Amino acid sequence: MSGLAAAAPSPLFDRLCSVASLPSGGGLLDAAGLHQSIARELGLLLNTRSRRTVEEFLADKLTVLDYGVPDLSAMSARSITDLALVRSVVAKAIIRFEPRLLHLQLEVAPQIGARDGVFLRITAAVLLGQTLRRVQFDTDVAAGGSSTR
């Protein structure tokens, strides 16, 4: 039987900024820690505005200078076309800037009770040790930002 732990490496920035909160595994995250780390990174990604317009963001190859998502406040949750654009933008941002998520699937729908809010369900797989595990994050995106859980 292998002695490999079911763990994932902690991102470098997490290790540099939160030394006191690291697990005792020397920079390795368990399943709960990995889920929290990805949720935190998704929150940062979706709440950071890219310098690119939606059209530029979707058309160009992105660099670290393009981190975040373009301003989506002009989009309407009632428009099928706008929801498709939001899905494309978020998918491209996650694929580019959160490489721990594999086999990404996004569900996009108008947020119930919010005028122009959008509900996103992010489903993917992550590598924990040598095992792929399914993870899911629900996110509400409004003009003022997003919250990931």
Protein backbone atom coordinates (compact mmCIF):
# COMPACT_ATOMS: atom_id res chain seq x y z
CA MET A 1 0.00 0.00 0.00
CA SER A 2 1.28 3.44 -0.90
CA GLY A 3 2.19 6.00 1.74
CA LEU A 4 0.81 8.89 -0.32
CA ALA A 5 -1.43 11.25 1.61
CA ALA A 6 -4.80 12.37 0.28
CA ALA A 7 -3.69 15.98 0.23
CA ALA A 8 -2.98 18.82 -2.17
CA PRO A 9 -0.22 21.42 -2.03
CA SER A 10 -1.17 24.77 -0.57
CA PRO A 11 -0.80 27.68 -3.05
CA LEU A 12 2.41 29.68 -2.55
CA PHE A 13 0.58 32.91 -1.74
CA ASP A 14 -1.44 31.12 0.96
CA ARG A 15 1.80 29.80 2.46
CA LEU A 16 3.45 33.23 2.41
CA CYS A 17 0.51 35.14 3.88
CA SER A 18 -0.95 32.78 6.44
CA VAL A 19 1.87 30.82 8.04
CA ALA A 20 0.00 30.55 11.35
CA SER A 21 -3.07 28.98 9.75
CA LEU A 22 -1.29 26.28 7.76
CA PRO A 23 -2.11 22.69 8.60
CA SER A 24 0.61 20.69 10.28
CA GLY A 25 1.23 18.79 7.03
CA GLY A 26 3.88 21.26 5.90
CA GLY A 27 1.89 23.14 3.29
CA LEU A 28 -0.49 20.33 2.34
CA LEU A 29 -4.24 20.83 2.35
CA ASP A 30 -6.81 18.19 3.24
CA ALA A 31 -10.13 18.04 1.33
CA ALA A 32 -11.79 20.75 3.44
CA GLY A 33 -8.74 23.02 3.27
CA LEU A 34 -8.50 22.59 -0.49
CA HIS A 35 -12.19 23.43 -0.91
CA GLN A 36 -11.77 26.57 1.24
CA SER A 37 -8.65 27.62 -0.65
CA ILE A 38 -10.38 27.30 -4.03
CA ALA A 39 -13.51 29.09 -2.77
CA ARG A 40 -11.33 31.96 -1.53
CA GLU A 41 -9.49 32.16 -4.87
CA LEU A 42 -12.75 32.06 -6.84
CA GLY A 43 -14.09 34.88 -4.67
CA LEU A 44 -11.00 36.98 -5.39
CA LEU A 45 -11.13 36.18 -9.10
CA LEU A 46 -14.82 37.00 -9.53
CA ASN A 47 -14.55 40.20 -7.47
CA THR A 48 -11.57 41.59 -9.38
CA ARG A 49 -12.25 43.66 -12.48
CA SER A 50 -10.09 42.96 -15.50
CA ARG A 51 -8.89 45.90 -17.56
CA ARG A 52 -10.35 44.22 -20.66
CA THR A 53 -13.81 44.67 -22.12
CA VAL A 54 -15.94 41.55 -22.46
CA GLU A 55 -15.13 41.34 -26.17
CA GLU A 56 -11.37 41.75 -25.62
CA PHE A 57 -11.42 39.28 -22.73
CA LEU A 58 -13.07 36.58 -24.82
CA ALA A 59 -11.01 37.22 -27.97
CA ASP A 60 -7.48 37.63 -26.58
CA LYS A 61 -4.98 35.36 -24.92
CA LEU A 62 -4.98 36.42 -21.27
CA THR A 63 -1.95 37.28 -19.15
CA VAL A 64 -1.64 37.91 -15.42
CA LEU A 65 -2.32 41.58 -16.19
CA ASP A 66 -5.84 40.57 -17.25
CA TYR A 67 -6.63 38.82 -13.93
CA GLY A 68 -10.29 39.03 -12.90
CA VAL A 69 -13.39 39.34 -15.02
CA PRO A 70 -14.52 42.29 -17.12
CA ASP A 71 -17.23 44.61 -15.87
CA LEU A 72 -20.47 42.67 -16.29
CA SER A 73 -22.79 45.30 -14.81
CA ALA A 74 -24.27 46.16 -18.22
CA MET A 75 -25.43 42.56 -18.64
CA SER A 76 -29.03 41.60 -17.97
CA ALA A 77 -29.92 38.38 -16.19
CA ARG A 78 -33.10 38.35 -18.24
CA SER A 79 -31.22 38.11 -21.53
CA ILE A 80 -30.26 34.65 -22.78
CA THR A 81 -27.47 36.23 -24.84
CA ASP A 82 -26.05 38.08 -21.82
CA LEU A 83 -26.22 34.95 -19.65
CA ALA A 84 -24.27 33.07 -22.32
CA LEU A 85 -21.64 35.85 -22.33
CA VAL A 86 -21.38 35.76 -18.53
CA ARG A 87 -20.92 31.99 -18.69
CA SER A 88 -18.19 32.32 -21.34
CA VAL A 89 -16.35 35.05 -19.44
CA VAL A 90 -16.44 33.22 -16.10
CA ALA A 91 -15.41 29.93 -17.70
CA LYS A 92 -12.44 31.54 -19.44
CA ALA A 93 -11.36 33.31 -16.24
CA ILE A 94 -11.54 30.13 -14.17
CA ILE A 95 -9.74 28.02 -16.77
CA ARG A 96 -6.97 30.61 -17.05
CA PHE A 97 -6.56 31.71 -13.45
CA GLU A 98 -7.65 28.73 -11.29
CA PRO A 99 -5.82 25.76 -12.83
CA ARG A 100 -6.63 23.45 -9.92
CA LEU A 101 -10.18 23.09 -11.29
CA LEU A 102 -10.45 20.40 -13.96
CA HIS A 103 -13.42 19.26 -16.08
CA LEU A 104 -15.18 22.57 -15.45
CA GLN A 105 -18.95 22.83 -15.79
CA LEU A 106 -20.91 26.06 -15.24
CA GLU A 107 -24.62 26.53 -14.72
CA VAL A 108 -25.81 30.12 -15.13
CA ALA A 109 -29.30 31.34 -14.26
CA PRO A 110 -31.04 34.53 -13.14
CA GLN A 111 -30.81 34.89 -9.37
CA ILE A 112 -34.21 34.59 -7.73
CA GLY A 113 -35.15 37.74 -5.82
CA ALA A 114 -32.44 39.93 -7.33
CA ARG A 115 -33.20 42.39 -10.12
CA ASP A 116 -30.18 41.64 -12.30
CA GLY A 117 -28.23 39.15 -10.22
CA VAL A 118 -26.89 35.95 -11.69
CA PHE A 119 -26.55 32.59 -9.94
CA LEU A 120 -23.54 30.47 -10.93
CA ARG A 121 -22.96 26.87 -9.99
CA ILE A 122 -19.36 25.87 -10.61
CA THR A 123 -18.80 22.12 -10.71
CA ALA A 124 -15.37 20.65 -11.34
CA ALA A 125 -12.84 18.07 -10.27
CA VAL A 126 -9.70 18.71 -8.23
CA LEU A 127 -6.70 16.53 -7.66
CA LEU A 128 -6.33 15.50 -4.02
CA GLY A 129 -3.28 13.30 -3.72
CA GLN A 130 -3.71 11.00 -6.70
CA THR A 131 -7.50 11.05 -6.64
CA LEU A 132 -9.85 13.31 -8.58
CA ARG A 133 -12.59 14.65 -6.31
CA ARG A 134 -15.74 16.46 -7.36
CA VAL A 135 -16.24 19.95 -5.93
CA GLN A 136 -19.07 22.43 -6.29
CA PHE A 137 -19.28 26.15 -5.58
CA ASP A 138 -22.42 28.27 -5.68
CA THR A 139 -21.90 31.93 -6.45
CA ASP A 140 -24.23 34.89 -6.62
CA VAL A 141 -22.97 37.57 -9.00
CA ALA A 142 -24.47 41.05 -8.73
CA ALA A 143 -23.35 44.47 -9.96
CA GLY A 144 -21.44 45.02 -6.72
CA GLY A 145 -19.47 41.78 -6.70
CA SER A 146 -19.93 38.12 -5.89
CA SER A 147 -19.98 35.78 -2.94
CA THR A 148 -18.75 32.19 -3.26
CA ARG A 149 -19.79 29.32 -1.01
